[in-house]
Amino acid sequence: MTDGSRESRAKAASVADAPSKRVPRFTLSGEPSGTWRRLTVVIFTLSIAFLSGCTVGPKYARPSAAAAPAYKELTPANFKDTDGWKQAQPNDGTLKGNWWEIFNDAQLNALEEQVNVSNQNIAAAAANFLAARALVRQTRAQYYPTISANPTITNSRPSLGQFGGVSGVSSSSSPAFKLTSFTDYSMAFDASWVPDFWGKIRNTFLQNAAAAQASAADLENVRLTAQAEVAVNYFELRAQDTLKQLFDQTVAAYQDSLELTQLQFSAGIASDEAVAQAETQLEATQAQDTNLGIARAQFEHAIAMLLGQPAPTFSLPAAPLEANPPAIPFGVPSQILERRPDVASAERLMAQANAGIGIATAAYYPTVTLSASAGFSNTSPTDWFTWPSRFWSAGPALAETLFDAGLRRATVQQSRAFYDRNVANYRQTVLTAFQQVEDNLASLRILSQEIRQQDTAVSSAQRNLQSATQRYQAGIDPYLNVITAQTTLLTNQQTAVNLRRDQMTASVQLIEALGGGWDAAQLPSVKDVSQVTPSAAGVK
């Protein structure tokens, strides 16, 4: 036997033994059974770890805010001396629904109804809320795997030089080969998932949900502010109408006095000095009467802007101010924590900052990514989607930062500082709310007393004018005394109108300080802000 034949039989024996040593066993599906078992174990283990994973970071609890047991500026003992509360004492309930209806003014009701429809500040705040809610849904999507498809058809020709010096020259030991172009047909499906082992995604979701809730509270605060501004401007405009009516009547009375004085001068009873004084009094009052139109026009334009209407197309007919302040239920200080939208917004911002601490803390822990890819690939379009053309890969990946020079620690410290800042802002907002309520309660109580005193002063000024006129007509006193008495009466009447205006605007501002008819129960829940179908929050 030759050496060549012995070598051939040895190679044949080696090939015959190879499958039992190198090729893994195949299942009926044609896949290595050991690989699938190992992959199943990995996926099962990671699932158990995911289910038992913890959410790092502090658990949120609303910080306390000091609140007095009762308001001091208006107590039940003061009700009998305070306008509005004389006839009806408010119970401990809260304002409900359309708070402006408590004033029983049909024109004001019609204006307030337009605010929710056309006010552009409210529309902008509503858009901010919808954007914040969309961000919550974006974050929620991170809980689930990402699956993508990547179909490709690629025609290519490799370069001979890219194979590192392989030569195509034919020889006895190295047969020649030919490089040609070919087309690769591929349909790949990729999937990846980052399990939320440490609660980073959950904290991000909670952070964005709290931000959306704060945005909803901001929307209600903008709405309340616009409604209150409309009411304040409306009562300011009506006060200008009342002053206009007063000055028109005063100008008419001064005109009569001037004509009488001129007749007396013609008859030789009055002097030219008296005529000049009467003319000066009339002309100065006419100028003041004309000047009232400026303030009225400005208040009218402000109302048009708040209603979302062009100022040139909006007008309100003149009507006197009806000063009937209502009895406003103000409850106890602790209720304001649930009734003011700005307080609710500040509280939600604290929750947002607290979730930020958890996000920063999660950076200390590794990130695990599960990825898989499968599909079909072949150079023949007819065999593209056949079973032998399949390919797949799957496996986990882990990433952990080993050194960052204190970056993560500083980020956690920054997040905690942000939380402390929001706690301070929340408590300051609560203190401001208490201040505003007490300010307006004091204003209403004191204005009631001041109005009674001012009405007495008006009555006294009227008697003084009557006496001065009689003494002048009797020739006892000069006409200057009449002018002085007229000026005093007009000044006191003007002050009385302004006090009643202040009383009505203070009532509006008290309602605004109490939060209007809103309460924290109307704030959307975490489930609400993560809904797929958005809502325009009643704003067109």
Protein backbone atom coordinates (compact mmCIF):
# COMPACT_ATOMS: atom_id res chain seq x y z
CA MET A 1 0.00 0.00 0.00
CA THR A 2 1.35 3.37 -0.95
CA ASP A 3 1.75 6.29 1.37
CA GLY A 4 -0.84 8.24 -0.63
CA SER A 5 -3.53 5.59 -0.14
CA ARG A 6 -2.84 5.37 3.60
CA GLU A 7 -3.11 9.18 3.88
CA SER A 8 -6.44 9.15 1.97
CA ARG A 9 -7.94 6.53 4.30
CA ALA A 10 -6.79 8.53 7.35
CA LYS A 11 -8.50 11.67 6.04
CA ALA A 12 -11.70 9.73 5.33
CA ALA A 13 -11.71 8.32 8.87
CA SER A 14 -11.17 11.79 10.28
CA VAL A 15 -14.11 13.17 8.29
CA ALA A 16 -16.30 10.28 9.39
CA ASP A 17 -15.53 10.99 13.04
CA ALA A 18 -16.02 14.74 12.76
CA PRO A 19 -19.86 14.96 13.18
CA SER A 20 -19.81 13.15 16.48
CA LYS A 21 -17.18 15.48 17.85
CA ARG A 22 -17.86 18.96 16.45
CA VAL A 23 -21.42 19.30 15.18
CA PRO A 24 -24.08 19.93 17.90
CA ARG A 25 -27.28 17.89 18.02
CA PHE A 26 -30.26 19.38 16.14
CA THR A 27 -33.92 19.34 17.08
CA LEU A 28 -36.77 18.70 14.63
CA SER A 29 -36.87 22.44 13.89
CA GLY A 30 -33.24 22.37 12.83
CA GLU A 31 -31.99 24.63 15.72
CA PRO A 32 -29.41 23.73 18.35
CA SER A 33 -31.42 22.64 21.39
CA GLY A 34 -28.70 23.63 23.89
CA THR A 35 -28.62 27.22 22.63
CA TRP A 36 -32.37 27.66 23.06
CA ARG A 37 -32.22 26.21 26.56
CA ARG A 38 -29.47 28.63 27.55
CA LEU A 39 -31.36 31.59 26.04
CA THR A 40 -34.52 30.55 27.87
CA VAL A 41 -32.65 30.43 31.17
CA VAL A 42 -31.18 33.91 30.55
CA ILE A 43 -34.56 35.43 29.71
CA PHE A 44 -36.22 33.75 32.69
CA THR A 45 -33.50 34.95 35.05
CA LEU A 46 -33.72 38.51 33.79
CA SER A 47 -37.51 38.46 34.07
CA ILE A 48 -37.29 37.37 37.71
CA ALA A 49 -34.76 40.13 38.36
CA PHE A 50 -37.04 42.64 36.68
CA LEU A 51 -40.06 41.61 38.73
CA SER A 52 -38.05 41.84 41.94
CA GLY A 53 -36.23 45.01 40.95
CA CYS A 54 -36.32 48.02 43.25
CA THR A 55 -37.02 51.67 42.63
CA VAL A 56 -34.18 53.72 44.04
CA GLY A 57 -34.62 57.23 45.42
CA PRO A 58 -36.72 58.71 48.25
CA LYS A 59 -40.44 58.06 48.49
CA TYR A 60 -42.42 61.27 48.07
CA ALA A 61 -44.47 62.73 50.92
CA ARG A 62 -45.87 66.26 50.82
CA PRO A 63 -43.97 68.50 53.26
CA SER A 64 -45.97 70.29 55.91
CA ALA A 65 -46.89 73.98 55.75
CA ALA A 66 -47.87 76.00 58.80
CA ALA A 67 -51.53 77.05 58.86
CA ALA A 68 -53.41 79.00 61.53
CA PRO A 69 -56.71 77.59 62.87
CA ALA A 70 -58.71 80.61 61.65
CA TYR A 71 -58.41 83.95 59.88
CA LYS A 72 -58.09 86.95 62.15
CA GLU A 73 -59.18 89.87 59.96
CA LEU A 74 -62.84 88.88 59.67
CA THR A 75 -64.46 86.84 62.41
CA PRO A 76 -68.13 86.03 63.06
CA ALA A 77 -68.14 88.89 65.55
CA ASN A 78 -67.41 91.32 62.67
CA PHE A 79 -70.14 90.04 60.35
CA LYS A 80 -72.78 92.42 61.63
CA ASP A 81 -70.59 95.43 60.79
CA THR A 82 -69.38 94.21 57.37
CA ASP A 83 -71.30 94.82 54.17
CA GLY A 84 -72.51 91.58 52.59
CA TRP A 85 -72.18 89.65 55.82
CA LYS A 86 -74.84 91.78 57.57
CA GLN A 87 -77.70 90.05 55.76
CA ALA A 88 -76.27 86.54 55.35
CA GLN A 89 -73.38 84.83 57.06
CA PRO A 90 -71.43 82.44 54.81
CA ASN A 91 -71.10 78.86 55.91
CA ASP A 92 -67.82 76.96 56.02
CA GLY A 93 -68.37 75.63 52.51
CA THR A 94 -66.46 76.73 49.46
CA LEU A 95 -67.33 78.56 46.29
CA LYS A 96 -68.74 76.27 43.64
CA GLY A 97 -68.93 76.47 39.87
CA ASN A 98 -69.09 79.92 38.31
CA TRP A 99 -68.01 82.06 41.24
CA TRP A 100 -68.79 85.37 39.49
CA GLU A 101 -72.51 84.60 39.63
CA ILE A 102 -72.40 85.48 43.32
CA PHE A 103 -72.45 89.15 42.23
CA ASN A 104 -75.83 88.77 40.45
CA ASP A 105 -74.76 90.88 37.46
CA ALA A 106 -76.03 89.60 34.10
CA GLN A 107 -73.52 91.64 32.09
CA LEU A 108 -70.61 90.33 34.13
CA ASN A 109 -71.88 86.76 33.71
CA ALA A 110 -71.96 87.18 29.93
CA LEU A 111 -68.41 88.52 29.87
CA GLU A 112 -67.04 85.75 32.07
CA GLU A 113 -68.53 83.07 29.84
CA GLN A 114 -66.48 84.42 26.94
CA VAL A 115 -63.19 84.22 28.85
CA ASN A 116 -63.02 80.41 28.72
CA VAL A 117 -63.73 80.42 25.00
CA SER A 118 -61.50 83.10 23.54
CA ASN A 119 -58.81 84.16 26.03
CA GLN A 120 -55.45 83.52 24.37
CA ASN A 121 -53.49 83.18 27.62
CA ILE A 122 -55.80 80.33 28.59
CA ALA A 123 -55.39 78.77 25.14
CA ALA A 124 -51.60 78.94 25.46
CA ALA A 125 -51.69 77.40 28.95
CA ALA A 126 -53.96 74.63 27.65
CA ALA A 127 -51.47 73.89 24.86
CA ASN A 128 -48.67 73.71 27.44
CA PHE A 129 -50.72 71.18 29.41
CA LEU A 130 -51.36 69.03 26.34
CA ALA A 131 -47.65 69.10 25.49
CA ALA A 132 -46.76 68.06 29.05
CA ARG A 133 -49.25 65.22 28.86
CA ALA A 134 -47.81 64.05 25.55
CA LEU A 135 -44.39 63.91 27.22
CA VAL A 136 -45.85 61.57 29.85
CA ARG A 137 -47.00 59.21 27.13
CA GLN A 138 -43.56 59.39 25.51
CA THR A 139 -42.00 58.32 28.80
CA ARG A 140 -44.51 55.52 29.30
CA ALA A 141 -43.45 54.03 25.95
CA GLN A 142 -40.03 53.31 27.47
CA TYR A 143 -41.59 50.54 29.56
CA TYR A 144 -41.99 48.42 26.42
CA PRO A 145 -39.57 46.92 23.86
CA THR A 146 -38.75 48.71 20.63
CA ILE A 147 -39.28 46.63 17.49
CA SER A 148 -38.14 47.72 14.04
CA ALA A 149 -37.94 46.26 10.53
CA ASN A 150 -35.08 46.83 8.12
CA PRO A 151 -35.66 45.42 4.62
CA THR A 152 -32.71 45.96 2.23
CA ILE A 153 -31.74 44.97 -1.30
CA THR A 154 -28.03 45.62 -1.88
CA ASN A 155 -26.00 45.03 -5.02
CA SER A 156 -22.23 44.98 -4.44
CA ARG A 157 -18.92 43.81 -5.87
CA PRO A 158 -15.97 43.14 -3.50
CA SER A 159 -12.47 44.41 -4.28
CA LEU A 160 -9.73 41.91 -4.81
CA GLY A 161 -7.39 44.01 -2.72
CA GLN A 162 -9.64 43.92 0.32
CA PHE A 163 -8.79 40.25 0.90
CA GLY A 164 -5.22 41.00 2.00
CA GLY A 165 -3.03 40.01 -0.94
CA VAL A 166 -4.99 37.03 -2.25
CA SER A 167 -3.98 36.59 -5.85
CA GLY A 168 -6.18 35.43 -8.66
CA VAL A 169 -3.22 33.99 -10.71
CA SER A 170 -3.64 30.29 -11.47
CA SER A 171 -0.98 27.80 -10.37
CA SER A 172 -0.70 24.12 -9.52
CA SER A 173 -1.02 24.79 -5.78
CA SER A 174 -3.55 27.67 -5.87
CA PRO A 175 -6.44 27.51 -8.32
CA ALA A 176 -7.74 30.69 -9.83
CA PHE A 177 -11.07 32.29 -8.74
CA LYS A 178 -13.25 35.07 -10.10
CA LEU A 179 -14.84 38.00 -8.25
CA THR A 180 -18.28 39.06 -9.49
CA SER A 181 -20.99 41.40 -8.31
CA PHE A 182 -23.97 39.97 -6.42
CA THR A 183 -27.26 41.17 -4.90
CA ASP A 184 -28.13 40.54 -1.25
CA TYR A 185 -31.81 40.41 -0.27
CA SER A 186 -32.36 40.90 3.43
CA MET A 187 -35.38 41.33 5.71
CA ALA A 188 -34.28 41.93 9.30
CA PHE A 189 -36.41 42.46 12.42
CA ASP A 190 -34.70 44.01 15.44
CA ALA A 191 -36.00 44.21 19.02
CA SER A 192 -34.43 45.86 22.05
CA TRP A 193 -35.61 46.39 25.60
CA VAL A 194 -34.08 48.08 28.64
CA PRO A 195 -35.70 46.55 31.77
CA ASP A 196 -36.40 49.12 34.47
CA PHE A 197 -34.44 47.37 37.19
CA TRP A 198 -33.70 50.46 39.29
CA GLY A 199 -36.81 52.54 38.61
CA LYS A 200 -35.18 55.10 36.33
CA ILE A 201 -37.99 54.87 33.78
CA ARG A 202 -40.63 54.82 36.52
CA ASN A 203 -39.15 57.89 38.18
CA THR A 204 -38.95 59.64 34.81
CA PHE A 205 -42.60 58.75 34.24
CA LEU A 206 -43.56 60.09 37.69
CA GLN A 207 -41.47 63.20 37.13
CA ASN A 208 -43.19 64.00 33.84
CA ALA A 209 -46.61 63.09 35.25
CA ALA A 210 -46.09 65.51 38.14
CA ALA A 211 -44.97 68.17 35.66
CA ALA A 212 -48.15 67.59 33.63
CA GLN A 213 -50.27 67.90 36.77
CA ALA A 214 -48.46 71.13 37.64
CA SER A 215 -49.16 72.35 34.10
CA ALA A 216 -52.86 71.52 34.60
CA ALA A 217 -52.85 73.55 37.82
CA ASP A 218 -51.07 76.40 36.02
CA LEU A 219 -53.82 76.31 33.40
CA GLU A 220 -56.46 76.71 36.10
CA ASN A 221 -54.45 79.50 37.70
CA VAL A 222 -54.24 81.36 34.38
CA ARG A 223 -57.98 80.83 33.92
CA LEU A 224 -58.75 82.15 37.42
CA THR A 225 -56.46 85.15 36.93
CA ALA A 226 -58.13 86.06 33.63
CA GLN A 227 -61.60 85.71 35.14
CA ALA A 228 -60.66 87.86 38.13
CA GLU A 229 -59.09 90.52 35.89
CA VAL A 230 -62.28 90.70 33.83
CA ALA A 231 -64.36 91.18 36.99
CA VAL A 232 -61.99 93.81 38.43
CA ASN A 233 -61.86 95.74 35.17
CA TYR A 234 -65.64 95.50 34.86
CA PHE A 235 -66.21 97.04 38.29
CA GLU A 236 -63.55 99.68 37.58
CA LEU A 237 -65.38 100.57 34.35
CA ARG A 238 -68.73 100.75 36.14
CA ALA A 239 -67.14 103.03 38.75
CA GLN A 240 -66.03 105.33 35.93
CA ASP A 241 -69.60 105.31 34.60
CA THR A 242 -70.86 106.31 38.06
CA LEU A 243 -68.26 109.08 38.31
CA LYS A 244 -69.23 110.26 34.84
CA GLN A 245 -72.85 110.44 35.93
CA LEU A 246 -71.83 112.34 39.06
CA PHE A 247 -69.69 114.83 37.17
CA ASP A 248 -72.36 115.36 34.51
CA GLN A 249 -74.84 116.25 37.23
CA THR A 250 -72.29 118.49 38.93
CA VAL A 251 -71.46 120.30 35.66
CA ALA A 252 -75.17 120.92 35.11
CA ALA A 253 -75.51 122.30 38.64
CA TYR A 254 -72.46 124.54 38.20
CA GLN A 255 -73.86 125.77 34.89
CA ASP A 256 -77.06 126.80 36.68
CA SER A 257 -75.03 128.54 39.39
CA LEU A 258 -73.02 130.45 36.76
CA GLU A 259 -76.16 131.61 34.96
CA LEU A 260 -77.70 132.76 38.23
CA THR A 261 -74.55 134.63 39.16
CA GLN A 262 -74.45 136.31 35.74
CA LEU A 263 -78.05 137.46 36.19
CA GLN A 264 -77.19 138.80 39.61
CA PHE A 265 -74.19 140.62 38.15
CA SER A 266 -76.38 142.16 35.45
CA ALA A 267 -78.75 143.30 38.17
CA GLY A 268 -75.88 144.81 40.16
CA ILE A 269 -76.26 142.35 43.01
CA ALA A 270 -73.17 140.18 42.36
CA SER A 271 -69.67 141.24 41.49
CA ASP A 272 -67.61 140.39 38.42
CA GLU A 273 -65.31 138.47 40.75
CA ALA A 274 -68.15 136.10 41.63
CA VAL A 275 -68.87 135.55 37.94
CA ALA A 276 -65.21 134.76 37.26
CA GLN A 277 -65.12 132.33 40.19
CA ALA A 278 -68.24 130.53 38.93
CA GLU A 279 -66.79 130.29 35.42
CA THR A 280 -63.52 128.85 36.76
CA GLN A 281 -65.39 126.31 38.87
CA LEU A 282 -67.48 125.18 35.88
CA GLU A 283 -64.61 124.92 33.41
CA ALA A 284 -62.36 122.99 35.79
CA THR A 285 -65.14 120.52 36.53
CA GLN A 286 -65.87 120.11 32.82
CA ALA A 287 -62.19 119.21 32.26
CA GLN A 288 -62.36 116.60 35.01
CA ASP A 289 -65.55 115.23 33.52
CA THR A 290 -63.91 114.89 30.12
CA ASN A 291 -60.83 113.23 31.62
CA LEU A 292 -62.93 110.37 32.95
CA GLY A 293 -63.27 109.08 29.40
CA ILE A 294 -59.60 108.07 29.30
CA ALA A 295 -59.80 105.60 32.18
CA ARG A 296 -63.09 104.18 30.95
CA ALA A 297 -61.71 103.57 27.48
CA GLN A 298 -58.65 101.83 28.92
CA PHE A 299 -60.72 99.50 31.09
CA GLU A 300 -62.96 98.70 28.13
CA HIS A 301 -59.93 97.88 25.98
CA ALA A 302 -58.49 95.69 28.75
CA ILE A 303 -61.72 93.71 28.94
CA ALA A 304 -61.71 93.25 25.15
CA MET A 305 -58.15 91.88 25.31
CA LEU A 306 -59.07 89.43 28.09
CA LEU A 307 -62.03 88.23 26.04
CA GLY A 308 -59.81 87.63 23.02
CA GLN A 309 -61.52 90.33 20.97
CA PRO A 310 -59.98 93.26 19.08
CA ALA A 311 -60.44 96.47 21.05
CA PRO A 312 -61.94 98.39 18.07
CA THR A 313 -64.83 95.91 17.79
CA PHE A 314 -65.75 95.73 21.48
CA SER A 315 -67.81 98.15 23.55
CA LEU A 316 -69.89 98.14 26.71
CA PRO A 317 -72.86 100.46 27.25
CA ALA A 318 -72.61 102.81 30.20
CA ALA A 319 -74.29 101.78 33.45
CA PRO A 320 -73.77 102.84 37.07
CA LEU A 321 -71.92 100.67 39.58
CA GLU A 322 -74.18 98.46 41.66
CA ALA A 323 -72.18 98.06 44.85
CA ASN A 324 -73.69 95.03 46.54
CA PRO A 325 -70.77 93.04 47.97
CA PRO A 326 -71.70 89.40 48.61
CA ALA A 327 -71.01 87.28 51.65
CA ILE A 328 -68.10 85.13 50.47
CA PRO A 329 -67.48 81.74 52.14
CA PHE A 330 -63.81 81.74 53.12
CA GLY A 331 -63.60 78.74 55.46
CA VAL A 332 -60.42 78.13 57.44
CA PRO A 333 -56.76 78.60 56.41
CA SER A 334 -56.02 74.89 56.04
CA GLN A 335 -58.60 74.62 53.25
CA ILE A 336 -56.61 76.96 51.05
CA LEU A 337 -54.00 74.22 50.52
CA GLU A 338 -56.61 72.33 48.49
CA ARG A 339 -58.38 75.28 46.87
CA ARG A 340 -55.71 77.34 45.15
CA PRO A 341 -54.30 76.12 41.83
CA ASP A 342 -50.95 77.87 42.37
CA VAL A 343 -50.50 75.99 45.65
CA ALA A 344 -51.37 72.74 43.88
CA SER A 345 -48.86 73.54 41.14
CA ALA A 346 -46.11 74.23 43.69
CA GLU A 347 -46.90 70.92 45.43
CA ARG A 348 -46.68 68.97 42.16
CA LEU A 349 -43.35 70.61 41.37
CA MET A 350 -42.05 69.20 44.66
CA ALA A 351 -43.13 65.72 43.54
CA GLN A 352 -41.40 66.31 40.21
CA ALA A 353 -38.15 67.28 41.93
CA ASN A 354 -38.38 64.29 44.27
CA ALA A 355 -38.61 61.93 41.29
CA GLY A 356 -35.53 63.65 39.87
CA ILE A 357 -33.53 62.45 42.87
CA GLY A 358 -34.46 58.86 42.00
CA ILE A 359 -33.40 59.38 38.39
CA ALA A 360 -30.02 60.72 39.47
CA THR A 361 -29.55 57.88 41.98
CA ALA A 362 -30.28 55.21 39.34
CA ALA A 363 -27.11 56.29 37.51
CA TYR A 364 -25.11 54.41 40.18
CA TYR A 365 -26.49 51.08 38.93
CA PRO A 366 -25.76 49.18 35.73
CA THR A 367 -27.94 49.35 32.64
CA VAL A 368 -29.06 46.04 31.14
CA THR A 369 -30.21 45.87 27.52
CA LEU A 370 -31.87 42.85 25.95
CA SER A 371 -31.67 42.76 22.17
CA ALA A 372 -32.56 40.31 19.44
CA SER A 373 -32.47 40.23 15.68
CA ALA A 374 -33.94 37.79 13.18
CA GLY A 375 -34.91 37.66 9.55
CA PHE A 376 -34.20 36.25 6.10
CA SER A 377 -31.23 36.87 3.83
CA ASN A 378 -30.25 35.36 0.48
CA THR A 379 -28.60 36.32 -2.78
CA SER A 380 -31.48 34.81 -4.74
CA PRO A 381 -34.85 36.58 -4.69
CA THR A 382 -36.66 33.28 -5.23
CA ASP A 383 -35.07 31.79 -2.09
CA TRP A 384 -35.30 34.99 -0.02
CA PHE A 385 -38.09 33.89 2.33
CA THR A 386 -37.26 30.20 2.50
CA TRP A 387 -36.47 28.54 5.81
CA PRO A 388 -32.73 27.94 5.09
CA SER A 389 -32.34 31.71 4.51
CA ARG A 390 -33.20 32.53 8.09
CA PHE A 391 -30.79 34.14 10.56
CA TRP A 392 -31.11 35.25 14.19
CA SER A 393 -29.17 36.53 17.16
CA ALA A 394 -30.17 37.34 20.75
CA GLY A 395 -28.47 38.24 23.98
CA PRO A 396 -28.14 40.67 26.89
CA ALA A 397 -25.68 43.52 27.34
CA LEU A 398 -24.66 45.29 30.53
CA ALA A 399 -23.11 48.74 30.89
CA GLU A 400 -21.77 50.28 34.08
CA THR A 401 -19.80 53.45 34.70
CA LEU A 402 -16.65 52.59 36.67
CA PHE A 403 -15.23 56.09 37.10
CA ASP A 404 -16.80 59.52 36.55
CA ALA A 405 -14.78 61.79 38.87
CA GLY A 406 -17.79 62.43 41.15
CA LEU A 407 -20.26 63.29 38.39
CA ARG A 408 -23.07 61.07 39.68
CA ARG A 409 -22.64 62.24 43.27
CA ALA A 410 -22.78 65.88 42.21
CA THR A 411 -25.88 65.17 40.10
CA VAL A 412 -27.67 63.64 43.10
CA GLN A 413 -26.69 66.62 45.25
CA GLN A 414 -28.02 68.98 42.58
CA SER A 415 -31.32 67.08 42.44
CA ARG A 416 -31.69 67.26 46.21
CA ALA A 417 -31.01 71.00 46.10
CA PHE A 418 -33.71 71.40 43.44
CA TYR A 419 -36.12 69.54 45.71
CA ASP A 420 -35.26 71.78 48.68
CA ARG A 421 -35.80 74.83 46.49
CA ASN A 422 -39.23 73.61 45.47
CA VAL A 423 -40.15 72.92 49.09
CA ALA A 424 -39.24 76.50 49.97
CA ASN A 425 -41.22 77.80 46.98
CA TYR A 426 -44.23 75.73 48.05
CA ARG A 427 -44.18 77.08 51.59
CA GLN A 428 -43.71 80.63 50.29
CA THR A 429 -46.70 80.18 47.98
CA VAL A 430 -48.81 79.05 50.94
CA LEU A 431 -47.69 82.04 53.01
CA THR A 432 -48.53 84.38 50.13
CA ALA A 433 -51.98 82.80 49.87
CA PHE A 434 -52.64 83.40 53.56
CA GLN A 435 -51.45 86.99 53.21
CA GLN A 436 -53.71 87.70 50.23
CA VAL A 437 -56.78 86.29 51.95
CA GLU A 438 -56.12 88.27 55.14
CA ASP A 439 -55.41 91.44 53.12
CA ASN A 440 -58.76 91.30 51.36
CA LEU A 441 -60.69 90.27 54.46
CA ALA A 442 -59.21 93.31 56.22
CA SER A 443 -60.04 95.51 53.23
CA LEU A 444 -63.68 94.42 53.20
CA ARG A 445 -64.09 94.85 56.93
CA ILE A 446 -62.44 98.27 57.04
CA LEU A 447 -64.04 99.53 53.83
CA SER A 448 -67.50 98.81 55.26
CA GLN A 449 -66.74 101.10 58.19
CA GLU A 450 -65.08 103.70 55.97
CA ILE A 451 -68.03 103.80 53.56
CA ARG A 452 -70.45 104.51 56.40
CA GLN A 453 -68.19 107.32 57.60
CA GLN A 454 -67.85 108.69 54.08
CA ASP A 455 -71.61 108.65 53.52
CA THR A 456 -71.94 110.74 56.67
CA ALA A 457 -69.33 113.15 55.31
CA VAL A 458 -71.30 113.49 52.06
CA SER A 459 -74.48 114.32 53.98
CA SER A 460 -72.59 116.95 55.98
CA ALA A 461 -71.11 118.45 52.80
CA GLN A 462 -74.58 118.70 51.28
CA ARG A 463 -75.86 120.60 54.34
CA ASN A 464 -72.82 122.87 54.19
CA LEU A 465 -73.46 123.68 50.52
CA GLN A 466 -77.09 124.42 51.21
CA SER A 467 -76.16 126.76 54.06
CA ALA A 468 -73.42 128.51 52.05
CA THR A 469 -75.80 129.08 49.14
CA GLN A 470 -78.44 130.57 51.41
CA ARG A 471 -75.93 132.89 53.11
CA TYR A 472 -74.61 134.02 49.71
CA GLN A 473 -78.09 134.74 48.41
CA ALA A 474 -78.77 136.69 51.59
CA GLY A 475 -75.67 138.78 50.96
CA ILE A 476 -73.93 137.61 54.11
CA ASP A 477 -71.04 135.60 52.61
CA PRO A 478 -69.10 135.94 49.31
CA TYR A 479 -69.56 133.51 46.43
CA LEU A 480 -66.18 131.96 47.25
CA ASN A 481 -67.82 130.18 50.20
CA VAL A 482 -70.30 128.58 47.81
CA ILE A 483 -67.49 127.39 45.53
CA THR A 484 -65.62 125.94 48.49
CA ALA A 485 -68.72 124.08 49.64
CA GLN A 486 -69.38 122.78 46.11
CA THR A 487 -65.80 121.51 45.77
CA THR A 488 -65.99 119.82 49.17
CA LEU A 489 -69.21 118.05 48.27
CA LEU A 490 -67.91 116.84 44.91
CA THR A 491 -64.69 115.56 46.47
CA ASN A 492 -66.59 113.60 49.11
CA GLN A 493 -69.02 112.18 46.58
CA GLN A 494 -66.12 111.08 44.38
CA THR A 495 -64.42 109.42 47.36
CA ALA A 496 -67.65 107.57 48.21
CA VAL A 497 -67.82 106.14 44.68
CA ASN A 498 -64.18 105.08 44.79
CA LEU A 499 -64.65 103.34 48.13
CA ARG A 500 -67.55 101.32 46.76
CA ARG A 501 -65.40 100.44 43.75
CA ASP A 502 -62.63 99.29 46.08
CA GLN A 503 -65.15 97.23 48.00
CA MET A 504 -66.28 95.36 44.90
CA THR A 505 -62.73 94.77 43.60
CA ALA A 506 -61.65 93.56 47.05
CA SER A 507 -64.49 91.03 46.92
CA VAL A 508 -63.20 89.76 43.57
CA GLN A 509 -59.64 89.62 44.85
CA LEU A 510 -60.75 87.70 47.94
CA ILE A 511 -62.43 85.12 45.72
CA GLU A 512 -59.26 84.90 43.63
CA ALA A 513 -57.13 84.52 46.78
CA LEU A 514 -59.40 81.66 47.89
CA GLY A 515 -58.94 79.89 44.55
CA GLY A 516 -62.30 80.69 42.98
CA GLY A 517 -64.47 77.61 42.65
CA TRP A 518 -61.50 75.25 42.10
CA ASP A 519 -60.23 72.51 44.39
CA ALA A 520 -57.48 69.91 44.21
CA ALA A 521 -59.97 67.12 43.44
CA GLN A 522 -60.23 68.57 39.93
CA LEU A 523 -56.51 68.03 39.32
CA PRO A 524 -56.01 65.21 36.79
CA SER A 525 -54.60 61.97 38.19
CA VAL A 526 -51.48 60.22 36.92
CA LYS A 527 -53.75 57.93 34.91
CA ASP A 528 -55.56 60.92 33.39
CA VAL A 529 -52.39 62.66 32.23
CA SER A 530 -51.14 59.47 30.57
CA GLN A 531 -54.28 58.86 28.50
CA VAL A 532 -53.83 58.48 24.77
CA THR A 533 -56.77 60.68 23.77
CA PRO A 534 -56.00 64.34 24.64
CA SER A 535 -58.52 66.95 25.68
CA ALA A 536 -58.51 70.67 25.04
CA ALA A 537 -59.53 71.29 28.67
CA GLY A 538 -62.59 73.17 27.53
CA VAL A 539 -60.63 75.75 25.54
CA LYS A 540 -61.29 76.09 21.82
